[in-house]
Every structure is written in structure tokens, then in C-alpha cells.
Amino acid sequence: MNFPDNLRYTKDHEWILLLEDGVTALVGITDFAQSELGDIVFVETKPVGTKIEAHEVFGTVEAVKTVADLYAPVGGEIVGVNEALDAAEIVNSSPYEDGWIVKLKVDSPDAVGALLSPSDYRTLIGE
């Protein structure tokens, strides 16, 4: 499995990447999560402009066998949704690049650093 070193992770299997501006971040699900879900057929998120708190559900991922909630790694405002998700299977093939789910303007950039490191996440999933 792939867990890029430049990302932070949550116990709920989301990842976050703080962008160069220091206040905007991309959020998606991990390689582990997409492999556990199987073939993803639909992704739904709250609309742009929605304020969310850390650990709040901001959407769902529907796979052939199940539906899973998406949890915000940190608080912020949804400022973008990945239009490539019209072809939801992109989350399976490219969970960290093309398959990101939402773009957040984060309330506290420091909160990103408090999330799980790649090695902590690997320990969490037993890898």
C-alpha cells in the first residue's frame, strides 16, 4: 500500500495535504480505505461554502457493497469539490492525486500537523 510522506492521516482513513498557501488543503480517502471499500461507484459531498468541524461527516463514498461516511480531518470551509469524481472510480485508481475529494480552507493549519504521520497510520492499520 501507498502512504505518501507529505500527507497526514486520520483514524477514519482520510488523508489531508496542506497546500503551499498554508490555509487550503486537499482531502481524500487513503489507499487502504479504497481497497477495503472495493469498487467505488459514487461520491457525494456537502456543497461548496459549507462550514464543517473536525470529525464531522462531509459526505459519503458508495461502493458496490457498502456506503461509508467521510469525516473531516480538521475544521474548515469546503471551497472546492473534485469535478473528476463524476467518474468515481478515480478514487480507486488514484486516491492521492486525481481522486482527491474536497478542497478545504482550514480553520487552523496547526491542526493538520497534529494528525497521524504516515508511520503512525501504518501502525494503525497493522502494516
C-alpha atoms as a PDB file:
ATOM      1  CA  MET A   1       0.000   0.000   0.000  1.00  0.00           C
ATOM      2  CA  ASN A   2       0.998   3.543  -0.658  1.00  0.00           C
ATOM      3  CA  PHE A   3       1.073   6.224   2.082  1.00  0.00           C
ATOM      4  CA  PRO A   4       2.844   9.375   0.848  1.00  0.00           C
ATOM      5  CA  ASP A   5       5.115  11.058   3.385  1.00  0.00           C
ATOM      6  CA  ASN A   6       3.807  14.556   2.603  1.00  0.00           C
ATOM      7  CA  LEU A   7       0.283  13.754   3.856  1.00  0.00           C
ATOM      8  CA  ARG A   8      -1.326  13.493   7.282  1.00  0.00           C
ATOM      9  CA  TYR A   9      -3.880  10.800   8.082  1.00  0.00           C
ATOM     10  CA  THR A  10      -6.876  10.174  10.340  1.00  0.00           C
ATOM     11  CA  LYS A  11      -8.094   7.120  12.223  1.00  0.00           C
ATOM     12  CA  ASP A  12     -11.137   7.273   9.922  1.00  0.00           C
ATOM     13  CA  HIS A  13      -8.865   6.672   6.882  1.00  0.00           C
ATOM     14  CA  GLU A  14      -8.908  10.134   5.346  1.00  0.00           C
ATOM     15  CA  TRP A  15      -5.787  12.000   4.275  1.00  0.00           C
ATOM     16  CA  ILE A  16      -5.092  15.718   4.084  1.00  0.00           C
ATOM     17  CA  LEU A  17      -2.482  17.725   2.208  1.00  0.00           C
ATOM     18  CA  LEU A  18      -1.895  21.319   3.260  1.00  0.00           C
ATOM     19  CA  LEU A  19      -1.183  23.292   0.083  1.00  0.00           C
ATOM     20  CA  GLU A  20       1.565  25.885  -0.378  1.00  0.00           C
ATOM     21  CA  ASP A  21      -0.636  28.805   0.701  1.00  0.00           C
ATOM     22  CA  GLY A  22      -0.739  27.251   4.190  1.00  0.00           C
ATOM     23  CA  VAL A  23      -4.519  27.571   4.619  1.00  0.00           C
ATOM     24  CA  THR A  24      -6.004  25.448   1.838  1.00  0.00           C
ATOM     25  CA  ALA A  25      -5.903  21.659   1.862  1.00  0.00           C
ATOM     26  CA  LEU A  26      -6.973  18.719  -0.254  1.00  0.00           C
ATOM     27  CA  VAL A  27      -8.791  15.846   1.463  1.00  0.00           C
ATOM     28  CA  GLY A  28      -9.405  12.298   0.262  1.00  0.00           C
ATOM     29  CA  ILE A  29      -9.513   8.704   1.398  1.00  0.00           C
ATOM     30  CA  THR A  30      -6.453   6.533   1.821  1.00  0.00           C
ATOM     31  CA  ASP A  31      -5.258   3.731  -0.405  1.00  0.00           C
ATOM     32  CA  PHE A  32      -6.168   1.358   2.436  1.00  0.00           C
ATOM     33  CA  ALA A  33      -9.731   2.736   2.624  1.00  0.00           C
ATOM     34  CA  GLN A  34     -10.375   2.471  -1.109  1.00  0.00           C
ATOM     35  CA  SER A  35      -9.050  -1.101  -1.170  1.00  0.00           C
ATOM     36  CA  GLU A  36     -11.296  -2.072   1.760  1.00  0.00           C
ATOM     37  CA  LEU A  37     -14.355  -0.484   0.116  1.00  0.00           C
ATOM     38  CA  GLY A  38     -13.822  -2.116  -3.259  1.00  0.00           C
ATOM     39  CA  ASP A  39     -15.186  -0.655  -6.480  1.00  0.00           C
ATOM     40  CA  ILE A  40     -16.326   2.904  -5.762  1.00  0.00           C
ATOM     41  CA  VAL A  41     -19.337   3.932  -7.827  1.00  0.00           C
ATOM     42  CA  PHE A  42     -20.421   7.281  -6.346  1.00  0.00           C
ATOM     43  CA  VAL A  43     -19.049  10.057  -4.137  1.00  0.00           C
ATOM     44  CA  GLU A  44     -21.312  12.690  -2.586  1.00  0.00           C
ATOM     45  CA  THR A  45     -20.173  15.721  -0.598  1.00  0.00           C
ATOM     46  CA  LYS A  46     -21.676  18.707   1.099  1.00  0.00           C
ATOM     47  CA  PRO A  47     -21.702  21.736  -1.219  1.00  0.00           C
ATOM     48  CA  VAL A  48     -19.025  24.396  -1.617  1.00  0.00           C
ATOM     49  CA  GLY A  49     -19.437  27.033   1.080  1.00  0.00           C
ATOM     50  CA  THR A  50     -20.343  24.537   3.817  1.00  0.00           C
ATOM     51  CA  LYS A  51     -18.535  25.047   7.134  1.00  0.00           C
ATOM     52  CA  ILE A  52     -17.555  21.778   8.802  1.00  0.00           C
ATOM     53  CA  GLU A  53     -15.999  20.869  12.120  1.00  0.00           C
ATOM     54  CA  ALA A  54     -13.239  18.317  12.652  1.00  0.00           C
ATOM     55  CA  HIS A  55     -14.647  14.756  12.628  1.00  0.00           C
ATOM     56  CA  GLU A  56     -17.944  15.947  11.097  1.00  0.00           C
ATOM     57  CA  VAL A  57     -19.384  13.966   8.187  1.00  0.00           C
ATOM     58  CA  PHE A  58     -18.878  15.933   4.972  1.00  0.00           C
ATOM     59  CA  GLY A  59     -20.028  13.300   2.507  1.00  0.00           C
ATOM     60  CA  THR A  60     -20.260   9.635   1.584  1.00  0.00           C
ATOM     61  CA  VAL A  61     -18.479   7.158  -0.640  1.00  0.00           C
ATOM     62  CA  GLU A  62     -20.651   4.480  -2.199  1.00  0.00           C
ATOM     63  CA  ALA A  63     -19.046   1.238  -3.256  1.00  0.00           C
ATOM     64  CA  VAL A  64     -20.687  -1.800  -4.827  1.00  0.00           C
ATOM     65  CA  LYS A  65     -21.136  -3.471  -1.414  1.00  0.00           C
ATOM     66  CA  THR A  66     -21.411  -0.594   1.076  1.00  0.00           C
ATOM     67  CA  VAL A  67     -21.661   3.125   1.789  1.00  0.00           C
ATOM     68  CA  ALA A  68     -19.083   4.836   4.020  1.00  0.00           C
ATOM     69  CA  ASP A  69     -19.186   8.258   5.639  1.00  0.00           C
ATOM     70  CA  LEU A  70     -16.403  10.768   5.001  1.00  0.00           C
ATOM     71  CA  TYR A  71     -15.121  12.595   8.102  1.00  0.00           C
ATOM     72  CA  ALA A  72     -13.381  15.957   8.063  1.00  0.00           C
ATOM     73  CA  PRO A  73      -9.803  15.648   9.341  1.00  0.00           C
ATOM     74  CA  VAL A  74      -9.897  19.284  10.523  1.00  0.00           C
ATOM     75  CA  GLY A  75     -12.430  22.082  10.682  1.00  0.00           C
ATOM     76  CA  GLY A  76     -12.867  24.485   7.795  1.00  0.00           C
ATOM     77  CA  GLU A  77     -14.955  25.533   4.837  1.00  0.00           C
ATOM     78  CA  ILE A  78     -15.413  23.467   1.699  1.00  0.00           C
ATOM     79  CA  VAL A  79     -14.088  25.701  -1.084  1.00  0.00           C
ATOM     80  CA  GLY A  80     -13.934  23.098  -3.846  1.00  0.00           C
ATOM     81  CA  VAL A  81     -15.178  19.657  -4.854  1.00  0.00           C
ATOM     82  CA  ASN A  82     -13.233  17.495  -7.299  1.00  0.00           C
ATOM     83  CA  GLU A  83     -15.185  17.533 -10.567  1.00  0.00           C
ATOM     84  CA  ALA A  84     -13.344  14.377 -11.687  1.00  0.00           C
ATOM     85  CA  LEU A  85     -15.477  12.467  -9.160  1.00  0.00           C
ATOM     86  CA  ASP A  86     -18.202  12.213 -11.796  1.00  0.00           C
ATOM     87  CA  ALA A  87     -16.130   9.123 -12.646  1.00  0.00           C
ATOM     88  CA  ALA A  88     -15.989   7.939  -9.014  1.00  0.00           C
ATOM     89  CA  GLU A  89     -13.705   5.008  -9.810  1.00  0.00           C
ATOM     90  CA  ILE A  90     -10.862   7.557  -9.977  1.00  0.00           C
ATOM     91  CA  VAL A  91     -10.732   7.268  -6.172  1.00  0.00           C
ATOM     92  CA  ASN A  92      -9.766   3.595  -6.599  1.00  0.00           C
ATOM     93  CA  SER A  93      -7.126   4.196  -9.259  1.00  0.00           C
ATOM     94  CA  SER A  94      -5.611   7.427  -7.894  1.00  0.00           C
ATOM     95  CA  PRO A  95      -6.623   8.041  -4.257  1.00  0.00           C
ATOM     96  CA  TYR A  96      -3.854  10.592  -3.594  1.00  0.00           C
ATOM     97  CA  GLU A  97      -3.621  12.548  -6.816  1.00  0.00           C
ATOM     98  CA  ASP A  98      -6.582  12.672  -9.178  1.00  0.00           C
ATOM     99  CA  GLY A  99      -9.030  11.153  -6.673  1.00  0.00           C
ATOM    100  CA  TRP A 100      -8.972  13.869  -4.003  1.00  0.00           C
ATOM    101  CA  ILE A 101     -12.492  14.650  -2.802  1.00  0.00           C
ATOM    102  CA  VAL A 102     -12.765  18.183  -1.366  1.00  0.00           C
ATOM    103  CA  LYS A 103     -10.647  21.286  -1.001  1.00  0.00           C
ATOM    104  CA  LEU A 104     -10.892  22.933   2.424  1.00  0.00           C
ATOM    105  CA  LYS A 105      -9.950  26.348   3.708  1.00  0.00           C
ATOM    106  CA  VAL A 106      -8.792  25.119   7.107  1.00  0.00           C
ATOM    107  CA  ASP A 107      -9.631  26.934  10.335  1.00  0.00           C
ATOM    108  CA  SER A 108      -6.342  26.041  11.986  1.00  0.00           C
ATOM    109  CA  PRO A 109      -3.388  24.949   9.839  1.00  0.00           C
ATOM    110  CA  ASP A 110      -1.658  23.738  13.023  1.00  0.00           C
ATOM    111  CA  ALA A 111      -4.401  21.105  13.428  1.00  0.00           C
ATOM    112  CA  VAL A 112      -3.131  19.368  10.279  1.00  0.00           C
ATOM    113  CA  GLY A 113       0.248  18.712  11.885  1.00  0.00           C
ATOM    114  CA  ALA A 114      -1.446  17.100  14.884  1.00  0.00           C
ATOM    115  CA  LEU A 115      -2.906  14.296  12.730  1.00  0.00           C
ATOM    116  CA  LEU A 116      -1.292  10.890  12.181  1.00  0.00           C
ATOM    117  CA  SER A 117       2.058  10.697  10.418  1.00  0.00           C
ATOM    118  CA  PRO A 118       2.469   8.074   7.675  1.00  0.00           C
ATOM    119  CA  SER A 119       4.272   5.744  10.103  1.00  0.00           C
ATOM    120  CA  ASP A 120       1.552   6.220  12.755  1.00  0.00           C
ATOM    121  CA  TYR A 121      -1.104   5.432  10.137  1.00  0.00           C
ATOM    122  CA  ARG A 122       0.753   2.291   9.008  1.00  0.00           C
ATOM    123  CA  THR A 123       0.797   1.158  12.659  1.00  0.00           C
ATOM    124  CA  LEU A 124      -2.937   1.874  12.964  1.00  0.00           C
ATOM    125  CA  ILE A 125      -3.825  -0.396  10.053  1.00  0.00           C
ATOM    126  CA  GLY A 126      -1.297  -3.047  11.042  1.00  0.00           C
ATOM    127  CA  GLU A 127       1.068  -2.650   8.127  1.00  0.00           C
END
